[in-house]
């Protein structure tokens, strides 16, 4: 190999060493860099060459910091992601229920390579801190990529959907029926990944949990059903409870004054509210009315009341009475 090629390879190895092994608290001296290049990569070099190579890396845009002394030391000062950013990404990976344990571990290991080896050790100590319930559909990446490709191509997809039976085994819904769907968006909501779009089966906009899609969807040649002109996916999500599709209605709630944070968290800051009395306010929301919504109201233990319309209020009261009667059987 000629000297020019040797120099290019040495420079690449030098950057690899700095990137993998150094940070502000763990710089490497010129002598240490020479030894690692020689012993690990078979690259013989000198002090003056190290200084020149470091200068080339800096001119290229690599943020190499020099600690000047009788024995200069070097480290990578800034990276693509800071430690707090990597910690945030790792926390998000751990918390996402749609990712399997295997996929989460693999992704966390890759995230760790974006820090120095010493920083990665710090990150690893925090990896398995929470026993989260995780999905077990190992095809999750493939499914997400296929749905995203269909959205970009404006095509329909087809797939089977499953649920777990009493033996905790996956069982195809509706005897393995093939669902045809026009995906508009992929949504991360309530710790799960969903695809939102138009369902041919229900002739309406709906959603499916991605980790409940059996195997991988097929992208069809048929163009997707266009989204309605007034369709707003953010508004759609804000009106859903755990992404259960049902008829949307305008509902008036009477809420304790202490619950404004909870109402904004659920419906967004643009939610319509009015003063009601000294202790409560009125919130007018467009929501998908179903059992999940009623459960959400019940969870506030009387601090959220359905004020109108009357039929929704009556259905809620019927649900509470039925639950009480079942509990006392």
Protein backbone atom coordinates (compact mmCIF):
# COMPACT_ATOMS: atom_id res chain seq x y z
CA UNK A 1 0.00 0.00 0.00
CA UNK A 2 1.45 3.41 -0.95
CA UNK A 3 2.21 6.14 1.58
CA UNK A 4 -0.75 8.25 0.47
CA UNK A 5 -3.17 5.39 1.07
CA UNK A 6 -1.53 4.68 4.43
CA UNK A 7 -2.05 8.30 5.43
CA UNK A 8 -5.75 8.23 4.53
CA UNK A 9 -6.29 4.99 6.41
CA UNK A 10 -4.39 6.28 9.45
CA UNK A 11 -6.53 9.42 9.50
CA UNK A 12 -9.70 7.35 9.41
CA UNK A 13 -8.49 5.15 12.27
CA UNK A 14 -7.51 8.22 14.27
CA UNK A 15 -11.01 9.65 13.91
CA UNK A 16 -12.49 6.26 14.88
CA UNK A 17 -10.39 6.18 18.06
CA UNK A 18 -11.26 9.75 19.03
CA UNK A 19 -14.95 9.22 18.31
CA UNK A 20 -15.27 5.93 20.17
CA UNK A 21 -12.94 6.43 23.12
CA UNK A 22 -12.74 10.12 24.00
CA UNK A 23 -14.93 12.74 25.63
CA UNK A 24 -14.30 15.75 27.88
CA UNK A 25 -13.59 13.56 30.89
CA UNK A 26 -11.58 10.97 28.97
CA UNK A 27 -9.06 12.61 26.60
CA UNK A 28 -6.22 10.64 25.02
CA UNK A 29 -2.63 11.84 24.86
CA UNK A 30 -0.44 11.82 21.77
CA UNK A 31 1.49 8.83 23.13
CA UNK A 32 -1.75 6.91 23.80
CA UNK A 33 -3.04 7.62 20.29
CA UNK A 34 0.27 6.42 18.78
CA UNK A 35 0.11 3.21 20.83
CA UNK A 36 -3.51 2.45 19.90
CA UNK A 37 -2.86 3.10 16.21
CA UNK A 38 0.16 0.80 16.32
CA UNK A 39 -1.16 -2.03 18.49
CA UNK A 40 -4.78 -2.19 17.36
CA UNK A 41 -4.65 -1.09 13.73
CA UNK A 42 -1.03 -1.64 12.68
CA UNK A 43 -0.56 2.04 11.81
CA UNK A 44 2.93 3.33 12.65
CA UNK A 45 3.07 7.09 13.20
CA UNK A 46 4.87 9.94 15.01
CA UNK A 47 4.03 12.82 17.34
CA UNK A 48 4.24 15.44 14.59
CA UNK A 49 2.03 13.33 12.32
CA UNK A 50 -0.66 13.07 15.02
CA UNK A 51 -0.71 16.86 15.36
CA UNK A 52 -1.04 17.29 11.58
CA UNK A 53 -3.81 14.68 11.38
CA UNK A 54 -5.70 16.34 14.24
CA UNK A 55 -5.45 19.64 12.38
CA UNK A 56 -6.90 17.99 9.24
CA UNK A 57 -9.84 16.63 11.25
CA UNK A 58 -10.53 20.08 12.69
CA UNK A 59 -10.34 21.69 9.23
CA UNK A 60 -12.80 19.07 8.00
CA UNK A 61 -15.26 20.13 10.72
CA UNK A 62 -14.70 17.56 13.46
CA UNK A 63 -14.89 19.26 16.86
CA UNK A 64 -11.60 17.97 18.30
CA UNK A 65 -10.53 19.82 21.44
CA UNK A 66 -6.83 20.02 22.38
CA UNK A 67 -5.63 20.19 25.98
CA UNK A 68 -2.21 21.76 25.60
CA UNK A 69 0.58 20.71 27.92
CA UNK A 70 3.93 18.96 27.69
CA UNK A 71 1.87 15.99 26.59
CA UNK A 72 -1.06 17.24 24.48
CA UNK A 73 -4.37 15.45 24.95
CA UNK A 74 -7.33 15.33 22.58
CA UNK A 75 -11.04 14.54 22.72
CA UNK A 76 -14.21 14.93 20.67
CA UNK A 77 -15.94 17.96 22.18
CA UNK A 78 -19.34 17.74 20.50
CA UNK A 79 -21.26 14.96 18.80
CA UNK A 80 -24.38 14.50 16.72
CA UNK A 81 -26.35 13.87 19.93
CA UNK A 82 -25.57 15.13 23.43
CA UNK A 83 -25.84 12.78 26.41
CA UNK A 84 -29.18 14.27 27.56
CA UNK A 85 -30.55 13.82 24.03
CA UNK A 86 -29.41 10.18 23.94
CA UNK A 87 -30.93 9.58 27.38
CA UNK A 88 -34.21 11.03 26.12
CA UNK A 89 -34.16 8.78 23.04
CA UNK A 90 -33.39 5.74 25.20
CA UNK A 91 -36.23 6.60 27.60
CA UNK A 92 -38.60 6.95 24.65
CA UNK A 93 -37.45 3.59 23.28
CA UNK A 94 -37.98 1.92 26.64
CA UNK A 95 -41.39 3.51 27.11
CA UNK A 96 -42.76 2.68 23.68
CA UNK A 97 -45.05 -0.30 24.11
CA UNK A 98 -45.27 -0.92 20.37
CA UNK A 99 -41.60 -2.00 20.27
CA UNK A 100 -40.66 -5.50 21.34
CA UNK A 101 -37.99 -6.12 23.99
CA UNK A 102 -35.65 -7.47 21.31
CA UNK A 103 -36.11 -4.42 19.07
CA UNK A 104 -35.75 -2.05 22.02
CA UNK A 105 -32.47 -3.64 23.11
CA UNK A 106 -31.07 -3.53 19.57
CA UNK A 107 -31.99 0.13 19.10
CA UNK A 108 -30.60 1.12 22.52
CA UNK A 109 -27.31 -0.57 21.71
CA UNK A 110 -27.11 1.42 18.46
CA UNK A 111 -27.88 4.64 20.31
CA UNK A 112 -25.06 3.84 22.70
CA UNK A 113 -22.56 3.84 19.82
CA UNK A 114 -23.30 7.54 19.25
CA UNK A 115 -21.50 8.31 22.51
CA UNK A 116 -17.96 7.48 23.60
CA UNK A 117 -17.45 4.08 25.20
CA UNK A 118 -17.24 5.70 28.64
CA UNK A 119 -20.43 7.69 28.10
CA UNK A 120 -22.14 4.57 26.73
CA UNK A 121 -21.39 2.77 30.00
CA UNK A 122 -23.22 5.55 31.83
CA UNK A 123 -26.18 5.12 29.51
CA UNK A 124 -26.20 1.35 29.93
CA UNK A 125 -26.61 1.61 33.69
CA UNK A 126 -30.02 3.16 33.08
CA UNK A 127 -31.27 0.85 30.35
CA UNK A 128 -33.37 -1.68 32.23
CA UNK A 129 -34.91 0.50 34.92
CA UNK A 130 -38.59 -0.13 34.18
CA UNK A 131 -40.46 -3.38 33.58
CA UNK A 132 -42.64 -2.03 30.82
CA UNK A 133 -45.26 -4.18 29.10
CA UNK A 134 -43.95 -4.53 25.56
CA UNK A 135 -45.38 -5.75 22.28
CA UNK A 136 -44.28 -9.12 20.89
CA UNK A 137 -44.78 -8.50 17.18
CA UNK A 138 -41.22 -8.74 15.84
CA UNK A 139 -42.34 -7.50 12.40
CA UNK A 140 -43.07 -4.03 13.76
CA UNK A 141 -40.33 -2.24 11.76
CA UNK A 142 -41.32 -3.99 8.54
CA UNK A 143 -44.99 -3.17 9.09
CA UNK A 144 -44.29 0.50 9.81
CA UNK A 145 -42.02 0.82 6.77
CA UNK A 146 -44.63 -0.81 4.50
CA UNK A 147 -47.42 1.47 5.73
CA UNK A 148 -45.19 4.52 5.31
CA UNK A 149 -44.32 3.43 1.76
CA UNK A 150 -48.03 3.04 0.97
CA UNK A 151 -48.77 6.53 2.31
CA UNK A 152 -45.99 8.03 0.16
CA UNK A 153 -47.22 6.13 -2.90
CA UNK A 154 -50.90 6.98 -2.30
CA UNK A 155 -51.88 3.29 -2.37
CA UNK A 156 -54.23 1.09 -0.38
CA UNK A 157 -52.97 -1.71 1.82
CA UNK A 158 -54.51 -5.03 2.83
CA UNK A 159 -53.85 -7.04 5.97
CA UNK A 160 -55.25 -9.33 8.62
CA UNK A 161 -55.79 -8.20 12.18
CA UNK A 162 -55.50 -10.23 15.37
CA UNK A 163 -56.41 -10.19 19.03
CA UNK A 164 -55.40 -12.45 21.93
CA UNK A 165 -57.69 -15.27 23.06
CA UNK A 166 -58.12 -16.53 26.63
CA UNK A 167 -55.02 -18.70 26.22
CA UNK A 168 -53.01 -15.55 25.40
CA UNK A 169 -52.52 -16.74 21.84
CA UNK A 170 -52.89 -14.47 18.79
CA UNK A 171 -56.16 -15.15 16.99
CA UNK A 172 -57.18 -13.62 13.66
CA UNK A 173 -60.24 -11.40 13.93
CA UNK A 174 -63.40 -12.17 11.98
CA UNK A 175 -62.04 -15.58 10.87
CA UNK A 176 -59.05 -14.09 9.12
CA UNK A 177 -60.92 -11.42 7.17
CA UNK A 178 -58.75 -9.30 4.89
CA UNK A 179 -59.01 -5.58 5.71
CA UNK A 180 -58.54 -3.05 2.93
CA UNK A 181 -57.35 0.31 4.17
CA UNK A 182 -56.19 3.68 2.81
CA UNK A 183 -53.52 4.88 5.28
CA UNK A 184 -53.18 8.64 5.78
CA UNK A 185 -50.84 8.86 8.77
CA UNK A 186 -48.86 6.91 11.32
CA UNK A 187 -49.62 8.06 14.85
CA UNK A 188 -47.96 7.36 18.19
CA UNK A 189 -50.75 7.71 20.72
CA UNK A 190 -51.09 6.44 24.28
CA UNK A 191 -47.84 4.40 24.06
CA UNK A 192 -48.97 2.59 20.91
CA UNK A 193 -48.44 3.07 17.18
CA UNK A 194 -51.56 3.39 15.00
CA UNK A 195 -52.26 3.93 11.36
CA UNK A 196 -55.10 6.35 10.64
CA UNK A 197 -56.97 6.28 7.36
CA UNK A 198 -60.07 5.21 5.46
CA UNK A 199 -61.49 1.73 6.08
CA UNK A 200 -63.29 0.09 3.16
CA UNK A 201 -65.05 -2.26 5.59
CA UNK A 202 -66.61 0.56 7.63
CA UNK A 203 -66.76 3.19 4.84
CA UNK A 204 -65.32 5.71 7.28
CA UNK A 205 -62.11 7.03 8.73
CA UNK A 206 -60.70 4.78 11.43
CA UNK A 207 -57.50 3.45 12.91
CA UNK A 208 -55.66 0.19 13.53
CA UNK A 209 -52.96 -0.60 16.07
CA UNK A 210 -49.80 -1.38 14.14
CA UNK A 211 -48.60 -4.11 16.50
CA UNK A 212 -51.93 -5.94 16.05
CA UNK A 213 -51.50 -6.22 12.28
CA UNK A 214 -50.76 -9.83 11.42
CA UNK A 215 -47.60 -10.36 9.38
CA UNK A 216 -46.86 -7.53 6.95
CA UNK A 217 -49.47 -5.57 4.95
CA UNK A 218 -49.55 -5.81 1.17
CA UNK A 219 -49.39 -2.60 -0.84
CA UNK A 220 -52.14 -2.79 -3.45
CA UNK A 221 -52.14 -1.26 -6.91
CA UNK A 222 -55.45 0.43 -6.13
CA UNK A 223 -55.11 4.16 -5.32
CA UNK A 224 -55.94 5.13 -1.75
CA UNK A 225 -59.29 6.75 -0.96
CA UNK A 226 -58.50 10.50 -0.78
CA UNK A 227 -58.76 12.07 2.68
CA UNK A 228 -61.66 14.53 3.10
CA UNK A 229 -60.57 18.11 2.45
CA UNK A 230 -61.38 19.12 6.01
CA UNK A 231 -59.66 16.11 7.60
CA UNK A 232 -57.17 17.16 10.30
CA UNK A 233 -55.26 14.23 11.80
CA UNK A 234 -54.29 16.22 14.92
CA UNK A 235 -57.91 17.15 15.58
CA UNK A 236 -58.92 13.56 14.93
CA UNK A 237 -56.45 12.26 17.51
CA UNK A 238 -57.53 14.83 20.10
CA UNK A 239 -61.13 13.65 19.82
CA UNK A 240 -60.23 9.99 20.26
CA UNK A 241 -59.89 7.96 23.43
CA UNK A 242 -57.27 5.23 22.99
CA UNK A 243 -57.99 5.51 19.28
CA UNK A 244 -61.38 3.77 19.54
CA UNK A 245 -63.42 4.79 16.51
CA UNK A 246 -67.04 5.83 17.07
CA UNK A 247 -69.45 8.60 16.21
CA UNK A 248 -68.24 12.06 17.15
CA UNK A 249 -70.53 14.39 19.02
CA UNK A 250 -70.28 17.74 20.71
CA UNK A 251 -70.33 17.19 24.46
CA UNK A 252 -70.48 19.77 27.23
CA UNK A 253 -68.55 18.95 30.38
CA UNK A 254 -68.61 20.63 33.77
CA UNK A 255 -65.12 20.41 35.26
CA UNK A 256 -63.61 21.28 38.63
CA UNK A 257 -61.31 24.32 38.39
CA UNK A 258 -58.35 22.17 39.42
CA UNK A 259 -58.66 20.10 36.22
CA UNK A 260 -57.78 22.67 33.55
CA UNK A 261 -54.38 20.97 33.06
CA UNK A 262 -56.07 17.62 32.51
CA UNK A 263 -58.54 19.07 29.99
CA UNK A 264 -55.77 20.81 28.04
CA UNK A 265 -53.64 17.64 28.10
CA UNK A 266 -56.57 15.68 26.68
CA UNK A 267 -58.06 18.15 24.15
CA UNK A 268 -55.32 20.69 23.50
CA UNK A 269 -54.90 24.33 24.46
CA UNK A 270 -57.49 25.45 21.90
CA UNK A 271 -60.31 23.64 23.72
CA UNK A 272 -63.41 25.82 24.18
CA UNK A 273 -63.99 26.66 27.84
CA UNK A 274 -66.26 29.02 29.74
CA UNK A 275 -66.63 30.00 33.38
CA UNK A 276 -69.46 28.08 35.06
CA UNK A 277 -69.40 28.97 38.76
CA UNK A 278 -66.81 29.79 41.39
CA UNK A 279 -65.62 26.18 41.61
CA UNK A 280 -65.92 24.88 38.06
CA UNK A 281 -65.75 25.66 34.35
CA UNK A 282 -67.56 24.44 31.25
CA UNK A 283 -65.70 22.69 28.42
CA UNK A 284 -67.28 22.08 25.00
CA UNK A 285 -65.53 19.31 23.09
CA UNK A 286 -66.05 17.28 19.92
CA UNK A 287 -65.25 13.71 20.84
CA UNK A 288 -65.75 10.09 19.89
CA UNK A 289 -68.37 8.95 22.39
CA UNK A 290 -67.83 5.38 23.58
CA UNK A 291 -67.15 3.32 26.69
CA UNK A 292 -63.55 4.57 26.84
CA UNK A 293 -64.77 8.17 27.04
CA UNK A 294 -67.20 7.23 29.81
CA UNK A 295 -64.37 5.50 31.69
CA UNK A 296 -62.25 8.63 31.34
CA UNK A 297 -65.04 10.76 32.86
CA UNK A 298 -65.56 8.25 35.68
CA UNK A 299 -61.86 8.33 36.52
CA UNK A 300 -62.18 11.89 37.83
CA UNK A 301 -64.50 10.70 40.62
CA UNK A 302 -67.21 13.29 40.06
CA UNK A 303 -64.93 16.23 39.25
CA UNK A 304 -65.93 15.94 35.58
CA UNK A 305 -69.66 15.78 34.80
CA UNK A 306 -71.46 15.35 31.49
CA UNK A 307 -73.84 18.29 31.18
CA UNK A 308 -75.15 17.80 27.65
CA UNK A 309 -76.52 16.34 25.47
CA UNK A 310 -78.99 14.50 27.66
CA UNK A 311 -78.80 11.17 25.81
CA UNK A 312 -75.02 10.99 26.38
CA UNK A 313 -75.54 11.85 30.03
CA UNK A 314 -78.19 9.11 30.32
CA UNK A 315 -75.93 6.51 28.67
CA UNK A 316 -73.16 7.37 31.11
CA UNK A 317 -75.50 6.99 34.08
CA UNK A 318 -76.71 3.65 32.70
CA UNK A 319 -73.11 2.45 32.39
CA UNK A 320 -72.33 3.42 36.01
CA UNK A 321 -75.52 1.73 37.29
CA UNK A 322 -74.79 -1.41 35.27
CA UNK A 323 -71.23 -1.57 36.62
CA UNK A 324 -72.54 -1.15 40.17
CA UNK A 325 -75.11 -3.90 39.71
CA UNK A 326 -72.55 -6.28 38.20
CA UNK A 327 -70.15 -5.62 41.11
CA UNK A 328 -72.87 -6.49 43.62
CA UNK A 329 -74.13 -9.67 41.99
